C-alpha atoms as a PDB file:
ATOM      1  CA  UNK A   1      80.597  -6.537  44.148  1.00  0.00           C
ATOM      2  CA  UNK A   2      83.169  -4.417  42.282  1.00  0.00           C
ATOM      3  CA  UNK A   3      83.209  -1.721  44.997  1.00  0.00           C
ATOM      4  CA  UNK A   4      84.329  -4.399  47.478  1.00  0.00           C
ATOM      5  CA  UNK A   5      87.213  -5.393  45.183  1.00  0.00           C
ATOM      6  CA  UNK A   6      88.279  -1.768  44.871  1.00  0.00           C
ATOM      7  CA  UNK A   7      88.121  -1.205  48.605  1.00  0.00           C
ATOM      8  CA  UNK A   8      90.199  -4.329  49.223  1.00  0.00           C
ATOM      9  CA  UNK A   9      92.954  -2.895  47.044  1.00  0.00           C
ATOM     10  CA  UNK A  10      92.578   0.402  48.840  1.00  0.00           C
ATOM     11  CA  UNK A  11      92.993  -1.076  52.291  1.00  0.00           C
ATOM     12  CA  UNK A  12      96.231  -2.700  51.180  1.00  0.00           C
ATOM     13  CA  UNK A  13      97.415   0.725  49.979  1.00  0.00           C
ATOM     14  CA  UNK A  14      96.383   2.874  52.913  1.00  0.00           C
ATOM     15  CA  UNK A  15      96.930   0.395  55.732  1.00  0.00           C
ATOM     16  CA  UNK A  16      96.033   1.351  59.282  1.00  0.00           C
ATOM     17  CA  UNK A  17      95.387   4.972  58.280  1.00  0.00           C
ATOM     18  CA  UNK A  18      92.097   4.065  56.573  1.00  0.00           C
ATOM     19  CA  UNK A  19      89.019   4.939  58.587  1.00  0.00           C
ATOM     20  CA  UNK A  20      86.364   2.386  59.375  1.00  0.00           C
ATOM     21  CA  UNK A  21      83.794   4.375  57.403  1.00  0.00           C
ATOM     22  CA  UNK A  22      85.958   4.223  54.277  1.00  0.00           C
ATOM     23  CA  UNK A  23      85.604   0.429  54.255  1.00  0.00           C
ATOM     24  CA  UNK A  24      81.813   0.583  54.392  1.00  0.00           C
ATOM     25  CA  UNK A  25      79.588   0.467  51.336  1.00  0.00           C
ATOM     26  CA  UNK A  26      79.247   4.041  50.016  1.00  0.00           C
ATOM     27  CA  UNK A  27      76.010   5.898  49.560  1.00  0.00           C
ATOM     28  CA  UNK A  28      75.280   5.863  45.820  1.00  0.00           C
ATOM     29  CA  UNK A  29      73.045   8.425  44.149  1.00  0.00           C
ATOM     30  CA  UNK A  30      71.963   8.859  40.535  1.00  0.00           C
ATOM     31  CA  UNK A  31      73.097  12.219  39.190  1.00  0.00           C
ATOM     32  CA  UNK A  32      69.972  13.031  37.250  1.00  0.00           C
ATOM     33  CA  UNK A  33      66.298  12.918  38.297  1.00  0.00           C
ATOM     34  CA  UNK A  34      65.275  11.079  35.108  1.00  0.00           C
ATOM     35  CA  UNK A  35      67.550  10.806  32.047  1.00  0.00           C
ATOM     36  CA  UNK A  36      70.847  12.676  31.592  1.00  0.00           C
ATOM     37  CA  UNK A  37      70.777  15.519  29.042  1.00  0.00           C
ATOM     38  CA  UNK A  38      71.458  14.298  25.507  1.00  0.00           C
ATOM     39  CA  UNK A  39      70.817  10.744  26.641  1.00  0.00           C
ATOM     40  CA  UNK A  40      71.213   8.019  24.029  1.00  0.00           C
ATOM     41  CA  UNK A  41      71.356   4.250  23.973  1.00  0.00           C
ATOM     42  CA  UNK A  42      74.472   2.835  25.689  1.00  0.00           C
ATOM     43  CA  UNK A  43      77.201   1.412  23.474  1.00  0.00           C
ATOM     44  CA  UNK A  44      77.110  -1.828  25.419  1.00  0.00           C
ATOM     45  CA  UNK A  45      76.869  -3.289  28.897  1.00  0.00           C
ATOM     46  CA  UNK A  46      78.708  -1.408  31.647  1.00  0.00           C
ATOM     47  CA  UNK A  47      81.621  -3.609  32.712  1.00  0.00           C
ATOM     48  CA  UNK A  48      85.247  -3.820  33.764  1.00  0.00           C
ATOM     49  CA  UNK A  49      87.428  -3.963  30.642  1.00  0.00           C
ATOM     50  CA  UNK A  50      90.605  -4.972  32.495  1.00  0.00           C
ATOM     51  CA  UNK A  51      92.357  -8.158  31.440  1.00  0.00           C
ATOM     52  CA  UNK A  52      94.039 -10.420  34.022  1.00  0.00           C
ATOM     53  CA  UNK A  53      97.708  -9.581  34.489  1.00  0.00           C
ATOM     54  CA  UNK A  54      97.711  -6.603  32.108  1.00  0.00           C
ATOM     55  CA  UNK A  55      98.336  -2.952  32.916  1.00  0.00           C
ATOM     56  CA  UNK A  56      99.227  -3.469  36.565  1.00  0.00           C
ATOM     57  CA  UNK A  57      99.940  -0.400  38.698  1.00  0.00           C
ATOM     58  CA  UNK A  58     102.358  -0.859  41.619  1.00  0.00           C
ATOM     59  CA  UNK A  59     102.072  -4.595  40.939  1.00  0.00           C
ATOM     60  CA  UNK A  60      98.290  -4.679  41.322  1.00  0.00           C
ATOM     61  CA  UNK A  61      95.355  -4.686  38.905  1.00  0.00           C
ATOM     62  CA  UNK A  62      92.747  -1.995  38.570  1.00  0.00           C
ATOM     63  CA  UNK A  63      89.140  -1.660  37.464  1.00  0.00           C
ATOM     64  CA  UNK A  64      88.713  -0.124  33.988  1.00  0.00           C
ATOM     65  CA  UNK A  65      85.017   0.634  33.932  1.00  0.00           C
ATOM     66  CA  UNK A  66      83.523   1.231  30.498  1.00  0.00           C
ATOM     67  CA  UNK A  67      80.202   1.763  28.722  1.00  0.00           C
ATOM     68  CA  UNK A  68      78.921   4.040  31.479  1.00  0.00           C
ATOM     69  CA  UNK A  69      75.540   5.472  30.493  1.00  0.00           C
ATOM     70  CA  UNK A  70      73.970   5.893  33.955  1.00  0.00           C
ATOM     71  CA  UNK A  71      76.110   8.399  35.864  1.00  0.00           C
ATOM     72  CA  UNK A  72      76.140   8.208  39.652  1.00  0.00           C
ATOM     73  CA  UNK A  73      78.003   9.543  42.685  1.00  0.00           C
ATOM     74  CA  UNK A  74      79.499   7.183  45.272  1.00  0.00           C
ATOM     75  CA  UNK A  75      79.782   9.057  48.582  1.00  0.00           C
ATOM     76  CA  UNK A  76      82.432   7.915  51.075  1.00  0.00           C
ATOM     77  CA  UNK A  77      82.148   9.646  54.449  1.00  0.00           C
ATOM     78  CA  UNK A  78      85.003  10.046  56.966  1.00  0.00           C
ATOM     79  CA  UNK A  79      84.712   8.999  60.593  1.00  0.00           C
ATOM     80  CA  UNK A  80      82.447  11.444  62.426  1.00  0.00           C
ATOM     81  CA  UNK A  81      85.141  12.446  64.898  1.00  0.00           C
ATOM     82  CA  UNK A  82      87.464  13.433  62.002  1.00  0.00           C
ATOM     83  CA  UNK A  83      84.934  15.086  59.703  1.00  0.00           C
ATOM     84  CA  UNK A  84      86.123  18.553  58.634  1.00  0.00           C
ATOM     85  CA  UNK A  85      83.037  19.394  56.567  1.00  0.00           C
ATOM     86  CA  UNK A  86      85.155  19.490  53.400  1.00  0.00           C
ATOM     87  CA  UNK A  87      84.081  17.406  50.388  1.00  0.00           C
ATOM     88  CA  UNK A  88      85.780  16.552  47.103  1.00  0.00           C
ATOM     89  CA  UNK A  89      84.197  15.305  43.876  1.00  0.00           C
ATOM     90  CA  UNK A  90      86.688  12.855  42.332  1.00  0.00           C
ATOM     91  CA  UNK A  91      86.938  12.361  38.544  1.00  0.00           C
ATOM     92  CA  UNK A  92      88.859   9.189  37.626  1.00  0.00           C
ATOM     93  CA  UNK A  93      90.842   9.233  34.391  1.00  0.00           C
ATOM     94  CA  UNK A  94      90.737   6.921  31.417  1.00  0.00           C
ATOM     95  CA  UNK A  95      90.991   8.971  28.235  1.00  0.00           C
ATOM     96  CA  UNK A  96      87.252   9.662  28.242  1.00  0.00           C
ATOM     97  CA  UNK A  97      86.927   6.007  27.187  1.00  0.00           C
ATOM     98  CA  UNK A  98      86.906   4.182  30.534  1.00  0.00           C
ATOM     99  CA  UNK A  99      87.149   5.103  34.229  1.00  0.00           C
ATOM    100  CA  UNK A 100      90.030   3.897  36.409  1.00  0.00           C
ATOM    101  CA  UNK A 101      87.424   3.343  39.072  1.00  0.00           C
ATOM    102  CA  UNK A 102      89.423   2.030  42.020  1.00  0.00           C
ATOM    103  CA  UNK A 103      92.917   3.398  41.242  1.00  0.00           C
ATOM    104  CA  UNK A 104      91.775   6.981  40.680  1.00  0.00           C
ATOM    105  CA  UNK A 105      88.432   6.843  42.459  1.00  0.00           C
ATOM    106  CA  UNK A 106      87.672   4.631  45.457  1.00  0.00           C
ATOM    107  CA  UNK A 107      91.269   4.573  46.683  1.00  0.00           C
ATOM    108  CA  UNK A 108      91.393   8.352  46.533  1.00  0.00           C
ATOM    109  CA  UNK A 109      88.119   8.654  48.459  1.00  0.00           C
ATOM    110  CA  UNK A 110      89.497   6.513  51.266  1.00  0.00           C
ATOM    111  CA  UNK A 111      92.686   8.608  51.417  1.00  0.00           C
ATOM    112  CA  UNK A 112      90.566  11.743  51.680  1.00  0.00           C
ATOM    113  CA  UNK A 113      88.584  10.079  54.475  1.00  0.00           C
ATOM    114  CA  UNK A 114      91.796   9.773  56.499  1.00  0.00           C
ATOM    115  CA  UNK A 115      92.083  13.577  56.248  1.00  0.00           C
ATOM    116  CA  UNK A 116      88.515  14.057  57.457  1.00  0.00           C
ATOM    117  CA  UNK A 117      87.252  14.847  53.954  1.00  0.00           C
ATOM    118  CA  UNK A 118      84.191  13.348  52.261  1.00  0.00           C
ATOM    119  CA  UNK A 119      85.247  11.685  48.991  1.00  0.00           C
ATOM    120  CA  UNK A 120      82.622  11.556  46.250  1.00  0.00           C
ATOM    121  CA  UNK A 121      83.611   9.378  43.293  1.00  0.00           C
ATOM    122  CA  UNK A 122      81.947  10.534  40.095  1.00  0.00           C
ATOM    123  CA  UNK A 123      80.933   7.856  37.613  1.00  0.00           C
ATOM    124  CA  UNK A 124      80.588  10.101  34.570  1.00  0.00           C
ATOM    125  CA  UNK A 125      79.479   8.982  31.135  1.00  0.00           C
ATOM    126  CA  UNK A 126      82.078   7.243  28.947  1.00  0.00           C
ATOM    127  CA  UNK A 127      82.973   6.745  26.183  1.00  0.00           C
ATOM    128  CA  UNK A 128      82.681  10.334  25.107  1.00  0.00           C
ATOM    129  CA  UNK A 129      80.324  11.349  22.269  1.00  0.00           C
ATOM    130  CA  UNK A 130      82.157  14.027  20.253  1.00  0.00           C
ATOM    131  CA  UNK A 131      79.128  14.649  18.022  1.00  0.00           C
ATOM    132  CA  UNK A 132      77.600  16.510  20.982  1.00  0.00           C
ATOM    133  CA  UNK A 133      80.772  18.547  21.404  1.00  0.00           C
ATOM    134  CA  UNK A 134      83.994  17.224  22.877  1.00  0.00           C
ATOM    135  CA  UNK A 135      83.580  16.190  26.518  1.00  0.00           C
ATOM    136  CA  UNK A 136      80.215  17.927  26.909  1.00  0.00           C
ATOM    137  CA  UNK A 137      78.445  15.004  28.584  1.00  0.00           C
ATOM    138  CA  UNK A 138      81.206  14.455  31.167  1.00  0.00           C
ATOM    139  CA  UNK A 139      81.165  18.196  31.936  1.00  0.00           C
ATOM    140  CA  UNK A 140      77.389  18.082  32.381  1.00  0.00           C
ATOM    141  CA  UNK A 141      77.843  15.228  34.849  1.00  0.00           C
ATOM    142  CA  UNK A 142      80.624  17.021  36.754  1.00  0.00           C
ATOM    143  CA  UNK A 143      78.756  20.318  37.033  1.00  0.00           C
ATOM    144  CA  UNK A 144      75.637  18.472  38.138  1.00  0.00           C
ATOM    145  CA  UNK A 145      77.652  16.591  40.769  1.00  0.00           C
ATOM    146  CA  UNK A 146      78.981  19.823  42.314  1.00  0.00           C
ATOM    147  CA  UNK A 147      75.492  21.357  42.419  1.00  0.00           C
ATOM    148  CA  UNK A 148      73.971  18.177  43.826  1.00  0.00           C
ATOM    149  CA  UNK A 149      76.578  17.925  46.595  1.00  0.00           C
ATOM    150  CA  UNK A 150      76.103  21.602  47.468  1.00  0.00           C
ATOM    151  CA  UNK A 151      72.318  21.153  47.532  1.00  0.00           C
ATOM    152  CA  UNK A 152      72.785  18.390  50.120  1.00  0.00           C
ATOM    153  CA  UNK A 153      75.389  20.249  52.192  1.00  0.00           C
ATOM    154  CA  UNK A 154      73.191  20.756  55.236  1.00  0.00           C
ATOM    155  CA  UNK A 155      71.846  17.191  55.127  1.00  0.00           C
ATOM    156  CA  UNK A 156      75.342  15.715  54.873  1.00  0.00           C
ATOM    157  CA  UNK A 157      77.067  18.129  57.265  1.00  0.00           C
ATOM    158  CA  UNK A 158      79.215  19.593  54.487  1.00  0.00           C
ATOM    159  CA  UNK A 159      80.339  23.218  54.336  1.00  0.00           C
ATOM    160  CA  UNK A 160      78.988  24.531  50.991  1.00  0.00           C
ATOM    161  CA  UNK A 161      82.123  26.674  50.643  1.00  0.00           C
ATOM    162  CA  UNK A 162      84.445  23.685  51.013  1.00  0.00           C
ATOM    163  CA  UNK A 163      83.512  21.616  47.949  1.00  0.00           C
ATOM    164  CA  UNK A 164      86.392  20.814  45.619  1.00  0.00           C
ATOM    165  CA  UNK A 165      87.139  18.724  42.540  1.00  0.00           C
ATOM    166  CA  UNK A 166      90.043  16.334  42.062  1.00  0.00           C
ATOM    167  CA  UNK A 167      90.873  14.696  38.740  1.00  0.00           C
ATOM    168  CA  UNK A 168      93.455  12.440  37.120  1.00  0.00           C
ATOM    169  CA  UNK A 169      94.506  12.521  33.447  1.00  0.00           C
ATOM    170  CA  UNK A 170      91.277  12.942  31.425  1.00  0.00           C
ATOM    171  CA  UNK A 171      89.549  13.380  34.783  1.00  0.00           C
ATOM    172  CA  UNK A 172      92.031  16.203  35.378  1.00  0.00           C
ATOM    173  CA  UNK A 173      90.796  17.860  32.204  1.00  0.00           C
ATOM    174  CA  UNK A 174      87.226  17.366  33.402  1.00  0.00           C
ATOM    175  CA  UNK A 175      88.061  18.879  36.803  1.00  0.00           C
ATOM    176  CA  UNK A 176      89.839  21.822  35.126  1.00  0.00           C
ATOM    177  CA  UNK A 177      86.839  22.390  32.840  1.00  0.00           C
ATOM    178  CA  UNK A 178      84.551  22.348  35.879  1.00  0.00           C
ATOM    179  CA  UNK A 179      86.782  24.857  37.671  1.00  0.00           C
ATOM    180  CA  UNK A 180      86.804  27.279  34.738  1.00  0.00           C
ATOM    181  CA  UNK A 181      83.269  27.040  33.313  1.00  0.00           C
ATOM    182  CA  UNK A 182      80.937  27.503  36.269  1.00  0.00           C
ATOM    183  CA  UNK A 183      79.621  30.712  34.698  1.00  0.00           C
ATOM    184  CA  UNK A 184      78.032  28.740  31.859  1.00  0.00           C
ATOM    185  CA  UNK A 185      76.285  25.555  32.850  1.00  0.00           C
ATOM    186  CA  UNK A 186      76.460  22.954  30.071  1.00  0.00           C
ATOM    187  CA  UNK A 187      72.816  21.937  30.452  1.00  0.00           C
ATOM    188  CA  UNK A 188      69.435  23.381  31.296  1.00  0.00           C
ATOM    189  CA  UNK A 189      68.665  23.128  35.043  1.00  0.00           C
ATOM    190  CA  UNK A 190      67.063  19.765  35.786  1.00  0.00           C
ATOM    191  CA  UNK A 191      65.505  20.415  39.214  1.00  0.00           C
ATOM    192  CA  UNK A 192      65.847  22.369  42.456  1.00  0.00           C
ATOM    193  CA  UNK A 193      69.370  20.987  43.047  1.00  0.00           C
ATOM    194  CA  UNK A 194      70.594  23.057  40.111  1.00  0.00           C
ATOM    195  CA  UNK A 195      69.727  26.239  41.995  1.00  0.00           C
ATOM    196  CA  UNK A 196      72.958  25.550  43.903  1.00  0.00           C
ATOM    197  CA  UNK A 197      76.147  26.813  42.306  1.00  0.00           C
ATOM    198  CA  UNK A 198      78.232  24.406  40.197  1.00  0.00           C
ATOM    199  CA  UNK A 199      81.412  26.344  41.045  1.00  0.00           C
ATOM    200  CA  UNK A 200      83.975  24.297  43.003  1.00  0.00           C
ATOM    201  CA  UNK A 201      85.846  26.078  45.795  1.00  0.00           C
ATOM    202  CA  UNK A 202      89.211  24.491  44.979  1.00  0.00           C
ATOM    203  CA  UNK A 203      90.796  21.962  42.649  1.00  0.00           C
ATOM    204  CA  UNK A 204      93.456  19.234  42.617  1.00  0.00           C
ATOM    205  CA  UNK A 205      94.799  18.184  39.210  1.00  0.00           C
ATOM    206  CA  UNK A 206      97.049  15.109  39.045  1.00  0.00           C
ATOM    207  CA  UNK A 207      98.800  14.505  35.702  1.00  0.00           C
ATOM    208  CA  UNK A 208      95.964  16.311  33.862  1.00  0.00           C
ATOM    209  CA  UNK A 209      95.580  15.786  30.111  1.00  0.00           C
ATOM    210  CA  UNK A 210      94.202  17.838  27.202  1.00  0.00           C
ATOM    211  CA  UNK A 211      94.674  21.226  28.894  1.00  0.00           C
ATOM    212  CA  UNK A 212      96.786  22.715  26.078  1.00  0.00           C
ATOM    213  CA  UNK A 213      96.913  23.035  22.321  1.00  0.00           C
ATOM    214  CA  UNK A 214      98.877  20.406  20.364  1.00  0.00           C
ATOM    215  CA  UNK A 215     102.087  22.400  20.666  1.00  0.00           C
ATOM    216  CA  UNK A 216     101.749  22.750  24.431  1.00  0.00           C
ATOM    217  CA  UNK A 217     102.227  26.491  24.127  1.00  0.00           C
ATOM    218  CA  UNK A 218      98.807  27.713  25.238  1.00  0.00           C
ATOM    219  CA  UNK A 219      95.738  26.522  27.091  1.00  0.00           C
ATOM    220  CA  UNK A 220      92.922  24.802  25.236  1.00  0.00           C
ATOM    221  CA  UNK A 221      90.030  27.232  24.633  1.00  0.00           C
ATOM    222  CA  UNK A 222      87.679  25.488  27.067  1.00  0.00           C
ATOM    223  CA  UNK A 223      90.113  26.004  29.979  1.00  0.00           C
ATOM    224  CA  UNK A 224      88.999  29.561  30.723  1.00  0.00           C
ATOM    225  CA  UNK A 225      91.213  30.736  33.573  1.00  0.00           C
ATOM    226  CA  UNK A 226      90.104  34.030  35.117  1.00  0.00           C
ATOM    227  CA  UNK A 227      90.710  36.007  38.289  1.00  0.00           C
ATOM    228  CA  UNK A 228      87.805  34.224  40.008  1.00  0.00           C
ATOM    229  CA  UNK A 229      89.044  30.714  39.176  1.00  0.00           C
ATOM    230  CA  UNK A 230      89.390  28.734  42.433  1.00  0.00           C
ATOM    231  CA  UNK A 231      92.863  27.835  43.799  1.00  0.00           C
ATOM    232  CA  UNK A 232      94.488  24.714  42.333  1.00  0.00           C
ATOM    233  CA  UNK A 233      97.124  22.128  43.313  1.00  0.00           C
ATOM    234  CA  UNK A 234      99.049  20.326  40.531  1.00  0.00           C
ATOM    235  CA  UNK A 235     101.328  17.255  40.432  1.00  0.00           C
ATOM    236  CA  UNK A 236     102.984  15.894  37.285  1.00  0.00           C
ATOM    237  CA  UNK A 237     106.108  13.979  36.228  1.00  0.00           C
ATOM    238  CA  UNK A 238     108.492  15.435  33.638  1.00  0.00           C
ATOM    239  CA  UNK A 239     108.700  12.116  31.778  1.00  0.00           C
ATOM    240  CA  UNK A 240     104.935  11.659  31.642  1.00  0.00           C
ATOM    241  CA  UNK A 241     103.822  10.886  28.058  1.00  0.00           C
ATOM    242  CA  UNK A 242     100.975  13.314  28.806  1.00  0.00           C
ATOM    243  CA  UNK A 243     103.258  16.320  28.888  1.00  0.00           C
ATOM    244  CA  UNK A 244     103.726  18.245  32.107  1.00  0.00           C
ATOM    245  CA  UNK A 245     103.159  21.335  29.933  1.00  0.00           C
ATOM    246  CA  UNK A 246      99.479  20.698  30.644  1.00  0.00           C
ATOM    247  CA  UNK A 247     100.010  21.522  34.306  1.00  0.00           C
ATOM    248  CA  UNK A 248     102.630  24.206  33.634  1.00  0.00           C
ATOM    249  CA  UNK A 249     100.492  26.196  31.211  1.00  0.00           C
ATOM    250  CA  UNK A 250      97.474  26.239  33.498  1.00  0.00           C
ATOM    251  CA  UNK A 251      99.637  27.125  36.495  1.00  0.00           C
ATOM    252  CA  UNK A 252     101.118  30.070  34.582  1.00  0.00           C
ATOM    253  CA  UNK A 253      97.661  31.243  33.534  1.00  0.00           C
ATOM    254  CA  UNK A 254      96.513  31.093  37.148  1.00  0.00           C
ATOM    255  CA  UNK A 255      99.595  33.027  38.245  1.00  0.00           C
ATOM    256  CA  UNK A 256      98.945  35.738  35.659  1.00  0.00           C
ATOM    257  CA  UNK A 257      95.328  35.955  36.838  1.00  0.00           C
ATOM    258  CA  UNK A 258      96.406  36.337  40.469  1.00  0.00           C
ATOM    259  CA  UNK A 259      94.937  32.979  41.534  1.00  0.00           C
ATOM    260  CA  UNK A 260      96.702  30.981  44.253  1.00  0.00           C
ATOM    261  CA  UNK A 261      98.179  27.752  42.880  1.00  0.00           C
ATOM    262  CA  UNK A 262     100.868  25.229  43.775  1.00  0.00           C
ATOM    263  CA  UNK A 263     102.753  23.209  41.145  1.00  0.00           C
ATOM    264  CA  UNK A 264     104.920  20.123  41.721  1.00  0.00           C
ATOM    265  CA  UNK A 265     106.901  18.750  38.769  1.00  0.00           C
ATOM    266  CA  UNK A 266     108.848  15.573  39.527  1.00  0.00           C
ATOM    267  CA  UNK A 267     111.712  14.302  37.333  1.00  0.00           C
ATOM    268  CA  UNK A 268     110.309  10.807  36.740  1.00  0.00           C
ATOM    269  CA  UNK A 269     107.269   8.705  37.454  1.00  0.00           C
ATOM    270  CA  UNK A 270     105.381   8.441  34.179  1.00  0.00           C
ATOM    271  CA  UNK A 271     101.606   8.381  34.136  1.00  0.00           C
ATOM    272  CA  UNK A 272      98.665   6.666  35.777  1.00  0.00           C
ATOM    273  CA  UNK A 273     100.026   5.820  39.229  1.00  0.00           C
ATOM    274  CA  UNK A 274      97.083   7.191  41.211  1.00  0.00           C
ATOM    275  CA  UNK A 275      98.234   7.320  44.808  1.00  0.00           C
ATOM    276  CA  UNK A 276      99.748   3.849  44.970  1.00  0.00           C
ATOM    277  CA  UNK A 277     103.238   4.272  46.466  1.00  0.00           C
ATOM    278  CA  UNK A 278     106.311   3.170  44.506  1.00  0.00           C
ATOM    279  CA  UNK A 279     109.995   4.068  44.621  1.00  0.00           C
ATOM    280  CA  UNK A 280     109.186   7.103  42.452  1.00  0.00           C
ATOM    281  CA  UNK A 281     109.138  10.404  44.326  1.00  0.00           C
ATOM    282  CA  UNK A 282     106.100  11.520  42.351  1.00  0.00           C
ATOM    283  CA  UNK A 283     103.996   9.087  44.386  1.00  0.00           C
ATOM    284  CA  UNK A 284     104.564  11.271  47.450  1.00  0.00           C
ATOM    285  CA  UNK A 285     102.155  13.826  45.948  1.00  0.00           C
ATOM    286  CA  UNK A 286      99.367  12.920  48.445  1.00  0.00           C
ATOM    287  CA  UNK A 287     101.513  14.197  51.331  1.00  0.00           C
ATOM    288  CA  UNK A 288     102.212  17.460  49.491  1.00  0.00           C
ATOM    289  CA  UNK A 289      98.542  17.797  48.619  1.00  0.00           C
ATOM    290  CA  UNK A 290      97.480  17.208  52.224  1.00  0.00           C
ATOM    291  CA  UNK A 291      99.892  19.969  53.283  1.00  0.00           C
ATOM    292  CA  UNK A 292      98.333  22.290  50.693  1.00  0.00           C
ATOM    293  CA  UNK A 293      94.785  21.462  51.785  1.00  0.00           C
ATOM    294  CA  UNK A 294      95.788  22.234  55.372  1.00  0.00           C
ATOM    295  CA  UNK A 295      97.294  25.584  54.368  1.00  0.00           C
ATOM    296  CA  UNK A 296      94.070  26.418  52.547  1.00  0.00           C
ATOM    297  CA  UNK A 297      92.196  25.932  55.817  1.00  0.00           C
ATOM    298  CA  UNK A 298      90.288  22.938  54.431  1.00  0.00           C
ATOM    299  CA  UNK A 299      91.343  20.406  57.070  1.00  0.00           C
ATOM    300  CA  UNK A 300      90.400  22.417  60.141  1.00  0.00           C
ATOM    301  CA  UNK A 301      87.374  21.591  62.289  1.00  0.00           C
ATOM    302  CA  UNK A 302      84.254  22.182  60.262  1.00  0.00           C
ATOM    303  CA  UNK A 303      82.040  25.167  60.713  1.00  0.00           C
ATOM    304  CA  UNK A 304      78.343  24.718  61.436  1.00  0.00           C
ATOM    305  CA  UNK A 305      76.873  22.983  58.385  1.00  0.00           C
ATOM    306  CA  UNK A 306      74.686  25.250  56.298  1.00  0.00           C
ATOM    307  CA  UNK A 307      75.881  28.414  58.043  1.00  0.00           C
ATOM    308  CA  UNK A 308      77.670  29.727  54.948  1.00  0.00           C
ATOM    309  CA  UNK A 309      75.780  30.290  51.736  1.00  0.00           C
ATOM    310  CA  UNK A 310      77.414  28.948  48.505  1.00  0.00           C
END
């Protein structure tokens, strides 16, 4: 099973800090009650497109999952005695062509588990279908995931006002789009779950892509920062081929709108490292992010589940 391979890599990364529950098989749920909106025939069989020995990160391989036509959520719960009631929907990157499933998904969920946070890895539809509008189907999947998690908050012991999104690269763009477009759902409500808000309560964007125009001088039109945009944490390397201007421009827009945000720009580190530690300082971003989550009050003992309306 591919999830077992990903978790094996994760355990090597996180060591003794990984909770027992993070090593268990996750709860997996289909996102949609029947077919996703705008559903069409898949471009091929869903599979790992990685090639042996190629594209290693921190000396190890990763799963590059492609041809995803059946979106799901994989829910990784923290140990009960550590559970804060906070949950995060995780959007792996991959250029809207594939999903870096373990590197930027399962491994991140297990790290969140060590903080007492439920990690929910989103398997959104890839490759993208621009004829429907750029990145529309992934945004539909992400908005649906937030609503679905919030609809199950009481059942899962999650605080409905502590549901965030975390994305890497293209997944960072997807997370940013989800943070800034909750006022206009990208699909018609599918069932009762869509009565719950699709607005995240906070966001974490790690080397996000596609947030600016080609010149890097302004935000892309779909990144609609406003005064009610949730707070955001950013981490990026200056020598990333996906320019750190993506993070800088959104941070500045948040600052102008009066939204709390924290930006970390590191001198080197490149792109696509996930949270696998190397000699690069940029790979210390998980510690900085954990500090930020704590300051936001998201790592404290959970409130009574279901006691706060979304």
